[in-house]
Amino acid sequence: DTRRGFGDTWHGEQVSAPGGLGEPDAAVLLRESVYSAVGLCSYDLQELLAFGPWFQGPLQQSLQADSGHRLHRVIRRRVASLIASFVDSLRDPAVRAEAYRVCVSLLRDADMVVQVTAADSLLHLIDDTGFYQDAFLPYLPDAVDGLFGLMRDSQEVDTKLRILNVLSVMMEGMGRKIRPVVGSVVAAVPSLWEQAKEQHLMKGAVLITITRLVQALGAEAA
């Protein structure tokens, strides 16, 4: 059985654990390839791999230990991607809250690919039946700031549309608890509209975002 063989191999975790700043490039890339394989097989590994403990252990260590390594960005991106792949396994509120923290922190990463991947994973976490408003609330301001920062830095309309979608889903998911960031969102609208220019899809996305904000606030917006 292929899955059992993978599970038996996985218990050693030799290549899943970080080796620190002095880790050879080949070892970092091997670890990234293992993370990639796990993500691709996530559906089949849901019952074999206890993702919560792995996320809180080796994956968190990976994010911390490699911070100065020149290839660390590929690990950060892969960890963010794994969160999206195993979102159904993140049912423990404490683990889910830690996933929120990691994704929000990666929105400010120096590498834009890592940022976009973190935004995509954040979307999976929010647009899910296991979304916990109260657990996400402490990260809400930084999440909104990070998403708007990513929009400012991005030159691609497709990326901007993806970020606006994350914001829209976030507003819908948070409901009235979106209030702490209303000022930031409203202040960003004129700039977003100007960026859209002749991009009708983006203008439509901005309008959807505003509509979701009004709907989330309900009677308070009247």
Protein backbone atom coordinates (compact mmCIF):
# COMPACT_ATOMS: atom_id res chain seq x y z
CA ASP A 1 0.00 0.00 0.00
CA THR A 2 1.57 3.25 -1.17
CA ARG A 3 -0.01 5.38 1.54
CA ARG A 4 1.14 3.02 4.29
CA GLY A 5 4.65 3.02 2.86
CA PHE A 6 4.65 6.79 2.85
CA GLY A 7 3.40 6.84 6.43
CA ASP A 8 6.09 4.41 7.59
CA THR A 9 8.74 6.52 5.93
CA TRP A 10 7.27 9.71 7.36
CA HIS A 11 7.57 8.63 10.98
CA GLY A 12 11.34 9.18 10.77
CA GLU A 13 10.79 12.83 9.76
CA GLN A 14 14.47 13.18 8.89
CA VAL A 15 13.78 15.37 5.89
CA SER A 16 10.80 17.16 7.45
CA ALA A 17 12.78 18.80 10.22
CA PRO A 18 14.79 21.99 9.67
CA GLY A 19 18.56 22.03 9.75
CA GLY A 20 19.14 25.72 10.45
CA LEU A 21 21.12 28.46 8.73
CA GLY A 22 23.99 26.14 7.82
CA GLU A 23 21.75 23.59 6.12
CA PRO A 24 23.03 22.77 2.60
CA ASP A 25 20.95 24.08 -0.29
CA ALA A 26 20.28 20.54 -1.46
CA ALA A 27 18.83 19.62 1.94
CA VAL A 28 16.53 22.65 1.89
CA LEU A 29 15.31 21.77 -1.59
CA LEU A 30 14.80 18.14 -0.57
CA ARG A 31 12.70 19.27 2.38
CA GLU A 32 10.70 21.55 0.09
CA SER A 33 10.08 18.66 -2.29
CA VAL A 34 8.80 16.53 0.60
CA TYR A 35 6.44 19.32 1.67
CA SER A 36 5.30 19.64 -1.94
CA ALA A 37 4.60 15.90 -2.21
CA VAL A 38 2.62 15.97 1.03
CA GLY A 39 0.55 18.86 -0.29
CA LEU A 40 -0.18 17.08 -3.56
CA CYS A 41 -1.24 13.93 -1.67
CA SER A 42 -3.12 15.80 1.06
CA TYR A 43 -6.48 14.17 0.30
CA ASP A 44 -5.05 10.67 0.71
CA LEU A 45 -2.99 11.62 3.76
CA GLN A 46 -5.77 13.19 5.83
CA GLU A 47 -6.10 10.07 7.99
CA LEU A 48 -2.42 9.13 7.97
CA LEU A 49 -0.79 12.42 8.86
CA ALA A 50 -1.68 14.27 12.07
CA PHE A 51 -1.26 17.67 10.49
CA GLY A 52 -1.94 19.72 13.63
CA PRO A 53 1.04 18.39 15.63
CA TRP A 54 3.25 18.46 12.53
CA PHE A 55 2.25 22.06 11.85
CA GLN A 56 2.91 23.12 15.43
CA GLY A 57 6.18 21.18 15.55
CA PRO A 58 8.48 20.70 12.53
CA LEU A 59 6.73 23.18 10.24
CA GLN A 60 6.83 25.98 12.81
CA GLN A 61 10.46 25.13 13.55
CA SER A 62 11.10 25.27 9.83
CA LEU A 63 9.78 28.82 9.61
CA GLN A 64 11.92 29.95 12.54
CA ALA A 65 15.15 28.03 11.97
CA ASP A 66 15.70 28.98 8.33
CA SER A 67 15.04 32.70 8.61
CA GLY A 68 18.51 33.63 7.35
CA HIS A 69 18.88 30.96 4.69
CA ARG A 70 18.91 32.28 1.13
CA LEU A 71 16.43 29.59 0.02
CA HIS A 72 14.13 30.04 2.99
CA ARG A 73 11.46 31.64 0.81
CA VAL A 74 10.67 28.30 -0.85
CA ILE A 75 10.06 26.75 2.57
CA ARG A 76 7.87 29.63 3.72
CA ARG A 77 5.82 29.41 0.55
CA ARG A 78 5.41 25.66 0.91
CA VAL A 79 4.35 25.88 4.57
CA ALA A 80 1.72 28.46 3.63
CA SER A 81 0.52 26.19 0.84
CA LEU A 82 0.28 23.20 3.19
CA ILE A 83 -2.07 25.14 5.46
CA ALA A 84 -4.52 25.45 2.56
CA SER A 85 -4.09 21.79 1.61
CA PHE A 86 -4.88 20.58 5.13
CA VAL A 87 -7.46 23.16 6.17
CA ASP A 88 -9.97 20.37 6.88
CA SER A 89 -7.55 18.95 9.46
CA LEU A 90 -7.32 22.24 11.37
CA ARG A 91 -10.33 21.76 13.63
CA ASP A 92 -8.63 22.44 16.95
CA PRO A 93 -9.29 26.15 17.73
CA ALA A 94 -5.77 26.66 19.10
CA VAL A 95 -4.13 25.14 16.01
CA ARG A 96 -6.47 27.07 13.73
CA ALA A 97 -5.56 30.31 15.51
CA GLU A 98 -1.88 29.54 15.01
CA ALA A 99 -2.54 28.99 11.31
CA TYR A 100 -4.18 32.43 11.19
CA ARG A 101 -1.11 33.94 12.83
CA VAL A 102 1.31 32.28 10.41
CA CYS A 103 -0.61 33.29 7.29
CA VAL A 104 -1.05 36.88 8.44
CA SER A 105 2.64 37.19 9.32
CA LEU A 106 3.62 35.83 5.89
CA LEU A 107 1.54 38.56 4.22
CA ARG A 108 4.47 40.84 5.10
CA ASP A 109 7.13 38.52 3.74
CA ALA A 110 9.86 40.00 1.55
CA ASP A 111 8.96 37.60 -1.27
CA MET A 112 5.74 38.38 -3.15
CA VAL A 113 5.13 34.75 -4.10
CA VAL A 114 5.13 33.88 -0.39
CA GLN A 115 2.73 36.76 0.27
CA VAL A 116 0.28 35.69 -2.42
CA THR A 117 0.40 32.07 -1.26
CA ALA A 118 -0.28 33.21 2.31
CA ALA A 119 -3.27 35.24 1.08
CA ASP A 120 -4.63 32.22 -0.80
CA SER A 121 -4.25 30.05 2.31
CA LEU A 122 -5.93 32.71 4.43
CA LEU A 123 -8.87 32.57 2.02
CA HIS A 124 -9.14 28.80 2.55
CA LEU A 125 -9.10 29.27 6.33
CA ILE A 126 -11.79 31.95 6.31
CA ASP A 127 -14.06 30.49 3.64
CA ASP A 128 -14.53 27.33 5.68
CA THR A 129 -17.12 25.95 8.08
CA GLY A 130 -14.43 25.78 10.75
CA PHE A 131 -13.77 29.53 10.67
CA TYR A 132 -13.59 31.02 14.17
CA GLN A 133 -14.34 34.75 14.24
CA ASP A 134 -13.11 35.32 17.78
CA ALA A 135 -9.87 33.45 17.14
CA PHE A 136 -9.21 35.52 14.03
CA LEU A 137 -10.16 38.88 15.54
CA PRO A 138 -6.69 39.62 17.06
CA TYR A 139 -5.13 39.20 13.61
CA LEU A 140 -7.76 41.15 11.68
CA PRO A 141 -6.04 44.57 11.58
CA ASP A 142 -2.69 43.10 10.50
CA ALA A 143 -4.46 40.91 7.93
CA VAL A 144 -6.21 43.89 6.33
CA ASP A 145 -3.04 45.99 6.38
CA GLY A 146 -1.04 43.14 4.88
CA LEU A 147 -3.57 42.53 2.11
CA PHE A 148 -3.73 46.21 1.17
CA GLY A 149 0.06 46.36 1.23
CA LEU A 150 0.23 43.42 -1.14
CA MET A 151 -2.25 45.13 -3.45
CA ARG A 152 -0.13 48.29 -3.51
CA ASP A 153 3.02 46.34 -4.35
CA SER A 154 1.46 44.15 -7.01
CA GLN A 155 1.43 45.18 -10.65
CA GLU A 156 -0.74 42.30 -11.84
CA VAL A 157 -4.50 42.81 -12.07
CA ASP A 158 -5.06 39.10 -11.43
CA THR A 159 -3.23 39.35 -8.11
CA LYS A 160 -5.22 42.42 -7.11
CA LEU A 161 -8.46 40.60 -7.92
CA ARG A 162 -7.39 37.65 -5.78
CA ILE A 163 -6.61 39.94 -2.85
CA LEU A 164 -9.92 41.77 -3.18
CA ASN A 165 -11.67 38.41 -3.12
CA VAL A 166 -9.89 37.53 0.14
CA LEU A 167 -11.00 40.86 1.63
CA SER A 168 -14.60 40.34 0.49
CA VAL A 169 -14.78 36.83 1.94
CA MET A 170 -13.15 38.09 5.14
CA MET A 171 -15.81 40.77 5.57
CA GLU A 172 -18.57 38.28 4.99
CA GLY A 173 -17.02 35.81 7.42
CA MET A 174 -16.40 38.36 10.18
CA GLY A 175 -19.82 40.02 9.98
CA ARG A 176 -20.17 42.90 12.41
CA LYS A 177 -16.86 42.00 13.99
CA ILE A 178 -15.25 43.64 10.96
CA ARG A 179 -15.81 47.01 12.68
CA PRO A 180 -12.20 47.51 13.93
CA VAL A 181 -10.93 47.79 10.33
CA VAL A 182 -13.80 49.70 8.69
CA GLY A 183 -11.78 52.92 8.72
CA SER A 184 -8.83 51.27 6.98
CA VAL A 185 -11.04 49.74 4.30
CA VAL A 186 -12.96 52.93 3.59
CA ALA A 187 -9.74 54.96 3.44
CA ALA A 188 -8.30 52.56 0.85
CA VAL A 189 -11.30 52.69 -1.52
CA PRO A 190 -10.35 55.88 -3.46
CA SER A 191 -6.87 54.51 -4.16
CA LEU A 192 -8.28 51.14 -5.22
CA TRP A 193 -10.73 52.82 -7.57
CA GLU A 194 -7.94 54.89 -9.11
CA GLN A 195 -5.79 51.79 -9.58
CA ALA A 196 -8.66 50.09 -11.39
CA LYS A 197 -8.79 52.79 -14.11
CA GLU A 198 -10.14 51.00 -17.18
CA GLN A 199 -9.99 47.56 -15.57
CA HIS A 200 -13.71 46.83 -15.33
CA LEU A 201 -13.20 43.51 -13.56
CA MET A 202 -11.26 45.24 -10.82
CA LYS A 203 -13.82 48.01 -10.49
CA GLY A 204 -16.46 45.33 -10.11
CA ALA A 205 -14.36 43.62 -7.42
CA VAL A 206 -13.99 46.91 -5.54
CA LEU A 207 -17.76 47.41 -5.64
CA ILE A 208 -18.29 43.86 -4.36
CA THR A 209 -15.87 44.53 -1.50
CA ILE A 210 -17.75 47.69 -0.51
CA THR A 211 -21.07 45.85 -0.76
CA ARG A 212 -19.79 43.05 1.48
CA LEU A 213 -18.62 45.64 4.00
CA VAL A 214 -22.05 47.30 4.10
CA GLN A 215 -23.76 43.91 4.39
CA ALA A 216 -21.43 42.88 7.21
CA LEU A 217 -22.20 46.03 9.18
CA GLY A 218 -25.94 45.62 8.62
CA ALA A 219 -28.11 48.28 10.21
CA GLU A 220 -25.04 50.13 11.51
CA ALA A 221 -24.16 51.16 7.95
CA ALA A 222 -27.56 52.69 7.32
